[in-house]
């Protein structure tokens, strides 16, 4: 998606440690027009798929999932990073290791929100090494739901998460695929 690539070049910030910061438009401050276009693009890519639920992880994936939901009109379920008192104890859980934070977190989805009758599209902002997607696909598998695929705004292809998903037979569609990135050389996208 050229609009997203252009925005990454214009406003994305590369930090040491292989971090791409897109907080001015995608995951801290939100450009709702861009998110709408991202949502439409993902909905178009998966237009031939039967989808009953979108699954994402809090917090950055929620805005992208909302954009997609606007066009395919299905509920969004998001994996919570912290259990709280008003959350059922009957949950699916999986572990996520955050690339940018370097921490491990258990994420949970209440079982009543995913079932074997569902066809699920996973939506997220970033794909690097694939820990979040692995956790979310584990939750979908545990629920018995059908996994339609994964829709990602930005993928760092060189970190291998997308290739790992493909080896498992999981469809991954990324709107901006970064082939390489460095403070010195900037960002190079795959065609």
N, C-alpha and C. Protein backbone atom coordinates (compact mmCIF):
# COMPACT_ATOMS: atom_id res chain seq x y z
N UNK A 1 0.85 -1.17 0.00
CA UNK A 1 0.00 0.00 0.00
C UNK A 1 0.90 1.24 0.00
N UNK A 2 0.91 1.90 -1.10
CA UNK A 2 1.84 3.01 -1.28
C UNK A 2 1.63 4.14 -0.28
N UNK A 3 0.38 4.44 0.04
CA UNK A 3 0.10 5.52 0.99
C UNK A 3 0.76 5.25 2.34
N UNK A 4 0.69 4.02 2.81
CA UNK A 4 1.31 3.65 4.08
C UNK A 4 2.84 3.71 3.98
N UNK A 5 3.39 3.21 2.89
CA UNK A 5 4.85 3.28 2.71
C UNK A 5 5.34 4.73 2.70
N UNK A 6 4.61 5.58 1.99
CA UNK A 6 4.99 7.00 1.93
C UNK A 6 4.96 7.62 3.32
N UNK A 7 3.97 7.26 4.11
CA UNK A 7 3.86 7.83 5.45
C UNK A 7 4.97 7.33 6.35
N UNK A 8 5.34 6.07 6.20
CA UNK A 8 6.46 5.52 6.98
C UNK A 8 7.74 6.28 6.65
N UNK A 9 7.99 6.51 5.38
CA UNK A 9 9.18 7.26 4.96
C UNK A 9 9.14 8.68 5.51
N UNK A 10 7.98 9.33 5.42
CA UNK A 10 7.85 10.72 5.84
C UNK A 10 7.95 10.88 7.36
N UNK A 11 7.22 10.05 8.11
CA UNK A 11 7.07 10.29 9.54
C UNK A 11 7.61 9.18 10.44
N UNK A 12 8.01 8.06 9.87
CA UNK A 12 8.57 6.99 10.69
C UNK A 12 9.96 7.37 11.19
N UNK A 13 10.29 6.88 12.37
CA UNK A 13 11.60 7.17 12.95
C UNK A 13 12.31 5.85 13.24
N UNK A 14 13.54 5.75 12.78
CA UNK A 14 14.33 4.55 13.01
C UNK A 14 15.24 4.79 14.22
N UNK A 15 15.19 3.85 15.14
CA UNK A 15 16.01 3.93 16.35
C UNK A 15 16.98 2.75 16.38
N UNK A 16 18.09 2.92 17.07
CA UNK A 16 19.01 1.79 17.23
C UNK A 16 18.28 0.61 17.87
N UNK A 17 18.76 -0.58 17.58
CA UNK A 17 18.10 -1.77 18.10
C UNK A 17 17.01 -2.26 17.18
N UNK A 18 17.00 -1.75 15.95
CA UNK A 18 16.07 -2.20 14.92
C UNK A 18 14.61 -1.85 15.24
N UNK A 19 14.40 -0.66 15.79
CA UNK A 19 13.07 -0.21 16.15
C UNK A 19 12.59 0.85 15.16
N UNK A 20 11.38 0.65 14.64
CA UNK A 20 10.73 1.63 13.79
C UNK A 20 9.59 2.24 14.59
N UNK A 21 9.67 3.52 14.83
CA UNK A 21 8.65 4.21 15.61
C UNK A 21 7.70 4.92 14.64
N UNK A 22 6.42 4.55 14.71
CA UNK A 22 5.39 5.16 13.87
C UNK A 22 4.29 5.76 14.76
N UNK A 23 4.72 6.23 15.91
CA UNK A 23 3.76 6.70 16.91
C UNK A 23 3.05 7.99 16.52
N UNK A 24 3.55 8.72 15.53
CA UNK A 24 2.88 9.97 15.16
C UNK A 24 1.66 9.74 14.27
N UNK A 25 1.44 8.49 13.81
CA UNK A 25 0.29 8.25 12.96
C UNK A 25 -0.38 6.88 13.13
N UNK A 26 0.28 5.92 13.79
CA UNK A 26 -0.29 4.57 13.81
C UNK A 26 -0.51 3.97 15.19
N UNK A 27 0.34 4.28 16.15
CA UNK A 27 0.13 3.58 17.42
C UNK A 27 0.34 4.41 18.69
N UNK A 28 0.26 5.70 18.59
CA UNK A 28 0.19 6.55 19.78
C UNK A 28 -0.77 7.70 19.45
N UNK A 29 -0.43 8.42 18.42
CA UNK A 29 -1.36 9.37 17.82
C UNK A 29 -1.87 8.70 16.55
N UNK A 30 -3.17 8.78 16.32
CA UNK A 30 -3.76 8.04 15.19
C UNK A 30 -4.21 8.97 14.08
N UNK A 31 -3.83 8.63 12.86
CA UNK A 31 -4.33 9.30 11.66
C UNK A 31 -5.54 8.49 11.20
N UNK A 32 -6.73 8.96 11.54
CA UNK A 32 -7.93 8.17 11.28
C UNK A 32 -8.22 7.99 9.79
N UNK A 33 -7.83 8.95 8.98
CA UNK A 33 -8.03 8.81 7.54
C UNK A 33 -7.14 7.69 7.01
N UNK A 34 -5.89 7.67 7.43
CA UNK A 34 -4.98 6.59 7.02
C UNK A 34 -5.49 5.24 7.52
N UNK A 35 -5.94 5.19 8.78
CA UNK A 35 -6.48 3.94 9.33
C UNK A 35 -7.70 3.46 8.54
N UNK A 36 -8.52 4.40 8.10
CA UNK A 36 -9.66 4.04 7.27
C UNK A 36 -9.20 3.42 5.95
N UNK A 37 -8.18 3.99 5.35
CA UNK A 37 -7.66 3.45 4.08
C UNK A 37 -7.02 2.08 4.29
N UNK A 38 -6.31 1.91 5.40
CA UNK A 38 -5.73 0.62 5.74
C UNK A 38 -6.85 -0.42 5.92
N UNK A 39 -7.90 -0.02 6.63
CA UNK A 39 -9.02 -0.93 6.84
C UNK A 39 -9.68 -1.35 5.54
N UNK A 40 -9.87 -0.40 4.65
CA UNK A 40 -10.48 -0.72 3.35
C UNK A 40 -9.57 -1.66 2.54
N UNK A 41 -8.28 -1.40 2.56
CA UNK A 41 -7.34 -2.24 1.81
C UNK A 41 -7.37 -3.68 2.32
N UNK A 42 -7.34 -3.85 3.64
CA UNK A 42 -7.37 -5.20 4.22
C UNK A 42 -8.71 -5.87 3.90
N UNK A 43 -9.80 -5.14 4.02
CA UNK A 43 -11.12 -5.71 3.69
C UNK A 43 -11.16 -6.15 2.24
N UNK A 44 -10.58 -5.37 1.34
CA UNK A 44 -10.54 -5.75 -0.08
C UNK A 44 -9.71 -7.02 -0.30
N UNK A 45 -8.56 -7.11 0.37
CA UNK A 45 -7.69 -8.28 0.22
C UNK A 45 -8.41 -9.55 0.65
N UNK A 46 -9.19 -9.47 1.72
CA UNK A 46 -9.87 -10.65 2.25
C UNK A 46 -11.35 -10.69 1.88
N UNK A 47 -11.74 -9.98 0.82
CA UNK A 47 -13.15 -9.87 0.45
C UNK A 47 -13.80 -11.20 0.08
N UNK A 48 -13.03 -12.16 -0.37
CA UNK A 48 -13.59 -13.46 -0.77
C UNK A 48 -13.61 -14.45 0.39
N UNK A 49 -13.14 -14.03 1.55
CA UNK A 49 -13.09 -14.91 2.72
C UNK A 49 -14.32 -14.70 3.60
N UNK A 50 -14.80 -15.80 4.16
CA UNK A 50 -15.89 -15.71 5.14
C UNK A 50 -15.25 -15.40 6.49
N UNK A 51 -15.53 -14.24 7.03
CA UNK A 51 -14.96 -13.81 8.31
C UNK A 51 -16.11 -13.48 9.26
N UNK A 52 -16.06 -14.03 10.46
CA UNK A 52 -17.08 -13.72 11.46
C UNK A 52 -16.53 -12.90 12.61
N UNK A 53 -15.20 -12.93 12.81
CA UNK A 53 -14.59 -12.16 13.89
C UNK A 53 -13.21 -11.67 13.46
N UNK A 54 -12.84 -10.51 13.97
CA UNK A 54 -11.48 -10.02 13.86
C UNK A 54 -10.84 -10.23 15.23
N UNK A 55 -9.59 -10.66 15.25
CA UNK A 55 -8.86 -10.84 16.50
C UNK A 55 -7.59 -10.02 16.43
N UNK A 56 -7.33 -9.26 17.49
CA UNK A 56 -6.12 -8.47 17.58
C UNK A 56 -5.63 -8.50 19.02
N UNK A 57 -4.62 -7.72 19.28
CA UNK A 57 -4.04 -7.67 20.61
C UNK A 57 -4.02 -6.22 21.05
N UNK A 58 -4.28 -5.99 22.34
CA UNK A 58 -4.26 -4.60 22.77
C UNK A 58 -2.83 -4.10 22.80
N UNK A 59 -2.57 -2.90 22.51
CA UNK A 59 -3.50 -1.83 22.25
C UNK A 59 -3.43 -1.40 20.79
N UNK A 60 -2.26 -1.48 20.19
CA UNK A 60 -2.07 -0.88 18.86
C UNK A 60 -2.86 -1.56 17.75
N UNK A 61 -3.18 -2.82 17.90
CA UNK A 61 -3.94 -3.51 16.86
C UNK A 61 -5.40 -3.10 16.81
N UNK A 62 -5.91 -2.55 17.89
CA UNK A 62 -7.34 -2.24 17.96
C UNK A 62 -7.75 -1.20 16.91
N UNK A 63 -6.98 -0.16 16.74
CA UNK A 63 -7.34 0.89 15.79
C UNK A 63 -7.37 0.34 14.36
N UNK A 64 -6.43 -0.52 14.02
CA UNK A 64 -6.42 -1.11 12.68
C UNK A 64 -7.62 -2.03 12.51
N UNK A 65 -7.91 -2.83 13.52
CA UNK A 65 -9.07 -3.73 13.45
C UNK A 65 -10.37 -2.93 13.30
N UNK A 66 -10.46 -1.79 13.95
CA UNK A 66 -11.66 -0.96 13.80
C UNK A 66 -11.82 -0.49 12.36
N UNK A 67 -10.72 -0.13 11.73
CA UNK A 67 -10.78 0.27 10.33
C UNK A 67 -11.27 -0.86 9.44
N UNK A 68 -10.80 -2.07 9.71
CA UNK A 68 -11.22 -3.24 8.91
C UNK A 68 -12.70 -3.53 9.18
N UNK A 69 -13.08 -3.52 10.45
CA UNK A 69 -14.46 -3.84 10.83
C UNK A 69 -15.47 -2.91 10.17
N UNK A 70 -15.07 -1.72 9.97
CA UNK A 70 -15.96 -0.74 9.31
C UNK A 70 -16.40 -1.24 7.94
N UNK A 71 -15.54 -1.98 7.25
CA UNK A 71 -15.83 -2.43 5.89
C UNK A 71 -16.37 -3.85 5.82
N UNK A 72 -16.10 -4.68 6.83
CA UNK A 72 -16.64 -6.04 6.77
C UNK A 72 -17.69 -6.30 7.86
N UNK A 73 -17.88 -5.34 8.74
CA UNK A 73 -18.97 -5.35 9.71
C UNK A 73 -19.05 -6.64 10.53
N UNK A 74 -17.95 -6.96 11.19
CA UNK A 74 -17.93 -8.09 12.12
C UNK A 74 -17.33 -7.60 13.44
N UNK A 75 -17.62 -8.30 14.54
CA UNK A 75 -17.08 -7.89 15.83
C UNK A 75 -15.56 -8.02 15.90
N UNK A 76 -14.97 -7.21 16.75
CA UNK A 76 -13.54 -7.26 17.04
C UNK A 76 -13.36 -7.84 18.43
N UNK A 77 -12.50 -8.83 18.54
CA UNK A 77 -12.12 -9.39 19.83
C UNK A 77 -10.65 -9.04 20.02
N UNK A 78 -10.29 -8.54 21.20
CA UNK A 78 -8.87 -8.28 21.39
C UNK A 78 -8.35 -9.01 22.61
N UNK A 79 -7.16 -9.57 22.44
CA UNK A 79 -6.49 -10.26 23.53
C UNK A 79 -6.01 -9.21 24.52
N UNK A 80 -6.38 -9.41 25.78
CA UNK A 80 -5.99 -8.47 26.83
C UNK A 80 -4.67 -8.90 27.44
N UNK A 81 -3.86 -7.90 27.74
CA UNK A 81 -2.55 -8.17 28.32
C UNK A 81 -2.59 -8.33 29.83
N UNK A 82 -3.64 -7.86 30.45
CA UNK A 82 -3.76 -7.98 31.90
C UNK A 82 -5.14 -8.49 32.25
N UNK A 83 -5.19 -9.51 33.07
CA UNK A 83 -6.49 -9.97 33.57
C UNK A 83 -6.95 -8.97 34.62
N UNK A 84 -8.26 -8.73 34.63
CA UNK A 84 -8.80 -7.86 35.66
C UNK A 84 -9.99 -8.54 36.32
N UNK A 85 -10.55 -7.91 37.33
CA UNK A 85 -11.61 -8.53 38.13
C UNK A 85 -12.89 -8.78 37.36
N UNK A 86 -13.14 -7.99 36.33
CA UNK A 86 -14.38 -8.19 35.59
C UNK A 86 -14.22 -9.12 34.39
N UNK A 87 -13.08 -9.77 34.28
CA UNK A 87 -12.84 -10.72 33.19
C UNK A 87 -13.11 -12.14 33.70
N UNK A 88 -13.81 -12.90 32.92
CA UNK A 88 -14.09 -14.29 33.27
C UNK A 88 -12.78 -15.05 33.47
N UNK A 89 -12.84 -16.09 34.27
CA UNK A 89 -11.66 -16.95 34.46
C UNK A 89 -11.60 -18.03 33.38
N UNK A 90 -12.64 -18.13 32.56
CA UNK A 90 -12.71 -19.11 31.48
C UNK A 90 -12.13 -18.48 30.22
N UNK A 91 -10.81 -18.56 30.08
CA UNK A 91 -10.12 -17.83 29.02
C UNK A 91 -9.13 -18.73 28.27
N UNK A 92 -8.84 -18.31 27.04
CA UNK A 92 -7.71 -18.86 26.30
C UNK A 92 -6.53 -17.95 26.63
N UNK A 93 -5.35 -18.52 26.85
CA UNK A 93 -4.17 -17.70 27.12
C UNK A 93 -3.00 -18.15 26.26
N UNK A 94 -2.11 -17.22 26.01
CA UNK A 94 -0.87 -17.52 25.28
C UNK A 94 0.16 -16.46 25.69
N UNK A 95 1.41 -16.79 25.49
CA UNK A 95 2.50 -15.88 25.86
C UNK A 95 2.99 -15.10 24.66
N UNK A 96 3.23 -13.81 24.88
CA UNK A 96 3.78 -12.92 23.85
C UNK A 96 5.06 -12.30 24.38
N UNK A 97 6.10 -12.36 23.57
CA UNK A 97 7.34 -11.67 23.90
C UNK A 97 7.40 -10.43 23.01
N UNK A 98 7.41 -9.25 23.62
CA UNK A 98 7.43 -8.00 22.87
C UNK A 98 8.83 -7.72 22.34
N UNK A 99 8.93 -7.52 21.03
CA UNK A 99 10.22 -7.19 20.42
C UNK A 99 10.73 -5.85 20.91
N UNK A 100 9.85 -4.84 20.95
CA UNK A 100 10.30 -3.50 21.32
C UNK A 100 10.52 -3.33 22.81
N UNK A 101 9.75 -4.04 23.63
CA UNK A 101 9.88 -3.90 25.08
C UNK A 101 10.83 -4.92 25.69
N UNK A 102 11.02 -6.05 25.00
CA UNK A 102 11.88 -7.10 25.54
C UNK A 102 11.28 -7.78 26.76
N UNK A 103 9.94 -7.78 26.85
CA UNK A 103 9.27 -8.40 27.99
C UNK A 103 8.32 -9.49 27.51
N UNK A 104 7.95 -10.36 28.43
CA UNK A 104 7.02 -11.44 28.15
C UNK A 104 5.71 -11.16 28.88
N UNK A 105 4.59 -11.38 28.20
CA UNK A 105 3.28 -11.11 28.76
C UNK A 105 2.32 -12.24 28.39
N UNK A 106 1.46 -12.60 29.32
CA UNK A 106 0.36 -13.52 29.02
C UNK A 106 -0.80 -12.70 28.47
N UNK A 107 -1.35 -13.12 27.34
CA UNK A 107 -2.54 -12.47 26.81
C UNK A 107 -3.71 -13.43 26.93
N UNK A 108 -4.90 -12.86 27.10
CA UNK A 108 -6.09 -13.68 27.34
C UNK A 108 -7.26 -13.20 26.51
N UNK A 109 -8.09 -14.17 26.10
CA UNK A 109 -9.36 -13.91 25.44
C UNK A 109 -10.41 -14.77 26.13
N UNK A 110 -11.51 -14.15 26.53
CA UNK A 110 -12.58 -14.92 27.14
C UNK A 110 -13.14 -15.91 26.12
N UNK A 111 -13.33 -17.15 26.56
CA UNK A 111 -13.77 -18.22 25.66
C UNK A 111 -15.13 -17.92 25.02
N UNK A 112 -15.96 -17.17 25.67
CA UNK A 112 -17.28 -16.89 25.11
C UNK A 112 -17.23 -16.04 23.84
N UNK A 113 -16.06 -15.42 23.55
CA UNK A 113 -15.96 -14.56 22.38
C UNK A 113 -15.37 -15.24 21.14
N UNK A 114 -14.86 -16.46 21.27
CA UNK A 114 -14.35 -17.22 20.13
C UNK A 114 -14.81 -18.66 20.26
N UNK A 115 -15.33 -19.22 19.16
CA UNK A 115 -15.78 -20.60 19.20
C UNK A 115 -15.50 -21.29 17.87
N UNK A 116 -15.80 -22.57 17.83
CA UNK A 116 -15.55 -23.36 16.61
C UNK A 116 -16.43 -22.92 15.45
N UNK A 117 -17.47 -22.13 15.71
CA UNK A 117 -18.33 -21.62 14.64
C UNK A 117 -17.71 -20.39 13.95
N UNK A 118 -16.65 -19.84 14.50
CA UNK A 118 -16.07 -18.61 13.97
C UNK A 118 -15.03 -18.85 12.89
N UNK A 119 -14.94 -17.87 11.99
CA UNK A 119 -13.87 -17.77 11.00
C UNK A 119 -13.16 -16.46 11.32
N UNK A 120 -11.89 -16.55 11.69
CA UNK A 120 -11.18 -15.43 12.31
C UNK A 120 -10.09 -14.87 11.39
N UNK A 121 -10.07 -13.55 11.28
CA UNK A 121 -8.96 -12.84 10.65
C UNK A 121 -8.20 -12.12 11.76
N UNK A 122 -6.92 -12.42 11.89
CA UNK A 122 -6.06 -11.73 12.86
C UNK A 122 -5.56 -10.44 12.22
N UNK A 123 -5.61 -9.36 12.97
CA UNK A 123 -5.18 -8.05 12.48
C UNK A 123 -4.20 -7.46 13.49
N UNK A 124 -3.07 -6.91 13.00
CA UNK A 124 -2.13 -6.27 13.91
C UNK A 124 -1.36 -5.18 13.19
N UNK A 125 -0.70 -4.33 13.97
CA UNK A 125 0.05 -3.21 13.40
C UNK A 125 1.40 -3.64 12.86
N UNK A 126 2.15 -4.48 13.61
CA UNK A 126 3.50 -4.87 13.23
C UNK A 126 3.67 -6.37 13.22
N UNK A 127 4.53 -6.84 12.36
CA UNK A 127 5.01 -8.21 12.38
C UNK A 127 6.53 -8.16 12.26
N UNK A 128 7.20 -8.65 13.28
CA UNK A 128 8.66 -8.71 13.27
C UNK A 128 9.06 -10.19 13.36
N UNK A 129 9.25 -10.67 14.56
CA UNK A 129 9.63 -12.07 14.74
C UNK A 129 8.43 -13.00 14.87
N UNK A 130 7.26 -12.44 15.08
CA UNK A 130 6.03 -13.24 15.04
C UNK A 130 5.48 -13.70 16.37
N UNK A 131 5.99 -13.20 17.48
CA UNK A 131 5.52 -13.67 18.78
C UNK A 131 4.03 -13.38 18.99
N UNK A 132 3.59 -12.18 18.67
CA UNK A 132 2.17 -11.83 18.85
C UNK A 132 1.29 -12.70 17.96
N UNK A 133 1.70 -12.88 16.70
CA UNK A 133 0.90 -13.72 15.81
C UNK A 133 0.88 -15.17 16.27
N UNK A 134 2.01 -15.67 16.76
CA UNK A 134 2.03 -17.03 17.29
C UNK A 134 1.04 -17.17 18.44
N UNK A 135 1.02 -16.19 19.34
CA UNK A 135 0.09 -16.23 20.47
C UNK A 135 -1.35 -16.20 19.99
N UNK A 136 -1.65 -15.30 19.07
CA UNK A 136 -3.03 -15.18 18.58
C UNK A 136 -3.46 -16.41 17.79
N UNK A 137 -2.56 -16.98 16.99
CA UNK A 137 -2.93 -18.20 16.26
C UNK A 137 -3.13 -19.36 17.22
N UNK A 138 -2.37 -19.41 18.30
CA UNK A 138 -2.56 -20.43 19.33
C UNK A 138 -3.95 -20.31 19.95
N UNK A 139 -4.37 -19.10 20.23
CA UNK A 139 -5.70 -18.86 20.81
C UNK A 139 -6.79 -19.28 19.83
N UNK A 140 -6.63 -18.95 18.56
CA UNK A 140 -7.62 -19.36 17.55
C UNK A 140 -7.70 -20.89 17.49
N UNK A 141 -6.54 -21.53 17.47
CA UNK A 141 -6.50 -23.00 17.41
C UNK A 141 -7.20 -23.61 18.62
N UNK A 142 -6.90 -23.09 19.81
CA UNK A 142 -7.52 -23.60 21.04
C UNK A 142 -9.04 -23.44 21.01
N UNK A 143 -9.52 -22.38 20.38
CA UNK A 143 -10.96 -22.12 20.33
C UNK A 143 -11.68 -23.05 19.35
N UNK A 144 -10.93 -23.66 18.44
CA UNK A 144 -11.53 -24.49 17.41
C UNK A 144 -12.01 -23.71 16.21
N UNK A 145 -11.84 -22.39 16.23
CA UNK A 145 -12.26 -21.55 15.11
C UNK A 145 -11.37 -21.78 13.90
N UNK A 146 -11.87 -21.37 12.75
CA UNK A 146 -11.11 -21.43 11.51
C UNK A 146 -10.29 -20.15 11.39
N UNK A 147 -9.00 -20.29 11.11
CA UNK A 147 -8.14 -19.12 10.91
C UNK A 147 -8.10 -18.79 9.42
N UNK A 148 -8.67 -17.65 9.07
CA UNK A 148 -8.71 -17.19 7.69
C UNK A 148 -7.33 -16.71 7.25
N UNK A 149 -6.64 -16.00 8.14
CA UNK A 149 -5.32 -15.46 7.83
C UNK A 149 -4.97 -14.34 8.78
N UNK A 150 -3.88 -13.64 8.44
CA UNK A 150 -3.38 -12.54 9.26
C UNK A 150 -3.17 -11.32 8.36
N UNK A 151 -3.66 -10.19 8.80
CA UNK A 151 -3.50 -8.93 8.08
C UNK A 151 -2.64 -8.00 8.92
N UNK A 152 -1.55 -7.53 8.34
CA UNK A 152 -0.56 -6.76 9.07
C UNK A 152 -0.34 -5.42 8.36
N UNK A 153 -0.26 -4.35 9.11
CA UNK A 153 0.04 -3.06 8.50
C UNK A 153 1.50 -3.02 8.04
N UNK A 154 2.45 -3.28 8.96
CA UNK A 154 3.88 -3.17 8.64
C UNK A 154 4.59 -4.45 9.05
N UNK A 155 5.28 -5.05 8.10
CA UNK A 155 6.06 -6.25 8.37
C UNK A 155 7.54 -5.98 8.13
N UNK A 156 8.36 -6.34 9.10
CA UNK A 156 9.81 -6.33 8.91
C UNK A 156 10.18 -7.73 8.41
N UNK A 157 10.16 -7.89 7.09
CA UNK A 157 10.34 -9.19 6.45
C UNK A 157 11.64 -9.86 6.89
N UNK A 158 12.68 -9.09 7.04
CA UNK A 158 14.01 -9.62 7.36
C UNK A 158 14.08 -10.25 8.74
N UNK A 159 13.06 -10.06 9.57
CA UNK A 159 13.09 -10.67 10.91
C UNK A 159 12.40 -12.03 10.94
N UNK A 160 11.79 -12.45 9.85
CA UNK A 160 11.36 -13.83 9.68
C UNK A 160 10.01 -14.25 10.21
N UNK A 161 9.28 -13.39 10.87
CA UNK A 161 7.98 -13.79 11.42
C UNK A 161 6.97 -14.20 10.36
N UNK A 162 6.92 -13.47 9.28
CA UNK A 162 5.99 -13.80 8.19
C UNK A 162 6.34 -15.11 7.52
N UNK A 163 7.63 -15.34 7.32
CA UNK A 163 8.08 -16.60 6.71
C UNK A 163 7.73 -17.78 7.61
N UNK A 164 7.88 -17.60 8.92
CA UNK A 164 7.53 -18.66 9.86
C UNK A 164 6.04 -19.00 9.78
N UNK A 165 5.20 -17.98 9.69
CA UNK A 165 3.75 -18.21 9.55
C UNK A 165 3.45 -18.93 8.24
N UNK A 166 4.10 -18.51 7.16
CA UNK A 166 3.88 -19.15 5.86
C UNK A 166 4.28 -20.63 5.89
N UNK A 167 5.37 -20.96 6.59
CA UNK A 167 5.79 -22.35 6.73
C UNK A 167 4.75 -23.18 7.45
N UNK A 168 3.96 -22.53 8.30
CA UNK A 168 2.88 -23.23 9.01
C UNK A 168 1.60 -23.29 8.17
N UNK A 169 1.65 -22.73 6.96
CA UNK A 169 0.48 -22.74 6.10
C UNK A 169 -0.51 -21.63 6.39
N UNK A 170 -0.07 -20.61 7.09
CA UNK A 170 -0.94 -19.49 7.47
C UNK A 170 -0.76 -18.35 6.48
N UNK A 171 -1.87 -17.86 5.96
CA UNK A 171 -1.85 -16.74 5.02
C UNK A 171 -1.55 -15.44 5.77
N UNK A 172 -0.53 -14.73 5.34
CA UNK A 172 -0.18 -13.43 5.91
C UNK A 172 -0.16 -12.41 4.78
N UNK A 173 -0.91 -11.34 4.97
CA UNK A 173 -0.95 -10.24 4.00
C UNK A 173 -0.50 -8.98 4.73
N UNK A 174 0.62 -8.42 4.30
CA UNK A 174 1.18 -7.21 4.91
C UNK A 174 1.12 -6.06 3.92
N UNK A 175 0.71 -4.90 4.38
CA UNK A 175 0.54 -3.76 3.49
C UNK A 175 1.83 -3.04 3.17
N UNK A 176 2.78 -3.04 4.09
CA UNK A 176 4.10 -2.43 3.86
C UNK A 176 5.14 -3.41 4.35
N UNK A 177 5.88 -3.99 3.41
CA UNK A 177 6.90 -4.99 3.75
C UNK A 177 8.28 -4.35 3.69
N UNK A 178 8.92 -4.29 4.86
CA UNK A 178 10.24 -3.69 4.94
C UNK A 178 11.29 -4.77 4.73
N UNK A 179 12.09 -4.59 3.69
CA UNK A 179 13.15 -5.55 3.35
C UNK A 179 14.39 -5.32 4.21
N UNK A 180 14.70 -4.06 4.46
CA UNK A 180 15.84 -3.72 5.32
C UNK A 180 15.62 -2.33 5.90
N UNK A 181 16.30 -2.10 7.02
CA UNK A 181 16.12 -0.82 7.70
C UNK A 181 17.33 -0.56 8.58
N UNK A 182 17.83 0.67 8.51
CA UNK A 182 18.91 1.07 9.40
C UNK A 182 18.91 2.59 9.52
N UNK A 183 19.47 3.07 10.61
CA UNK A 183 19.57 4.51 10.82
C UNK A 183 20.37 5.13 9.68
N UNK A 184 21.43 4.44 9.24
CA UNK A 184 22.32 4.97 8.20
C UNK A 184 21.69 4.95 6.81
N UNK A 185 21.01 3.84 6.47
CA UNK A 185 20.53 3.65 5.10
C UNK A 185 19.03 3.88 4.92
N UNK A 186 18.32 4.09 6.00
CA UNK A 186 16.89 4.30 5.90
C UNK A 186 16.12 3.00 5.72
N UNK A 187 14.96 3.10 5.06
CA UNK A 187 14.06 1.96 4.90
C UNK A 187 14.00 1.57 3.44
N UNK A 188 14.11 0.26 3.19
CA UNK A 188 13.96 -0.30 1.85
C UNK A 188 12.77 -1.25 1.91
N UNK A 189 11.79 -1.01 1.04
CA UNK A 189 10.59 -1.85 0.98
C UNK A 189 10.73 -2.93 -0.08
N UNK A 190 10.05 -4.06 0.15
CA UNK A 190 9.88 -5.05 -0.90
C UNK A 190 8.85 -4.50 -1.88
N UNK A 191 8.94 -4.94 -3.12
CA UNK A 191 7.94 -4.51 -4.12
C UNK A 191 6.61 -5.19 -3.88
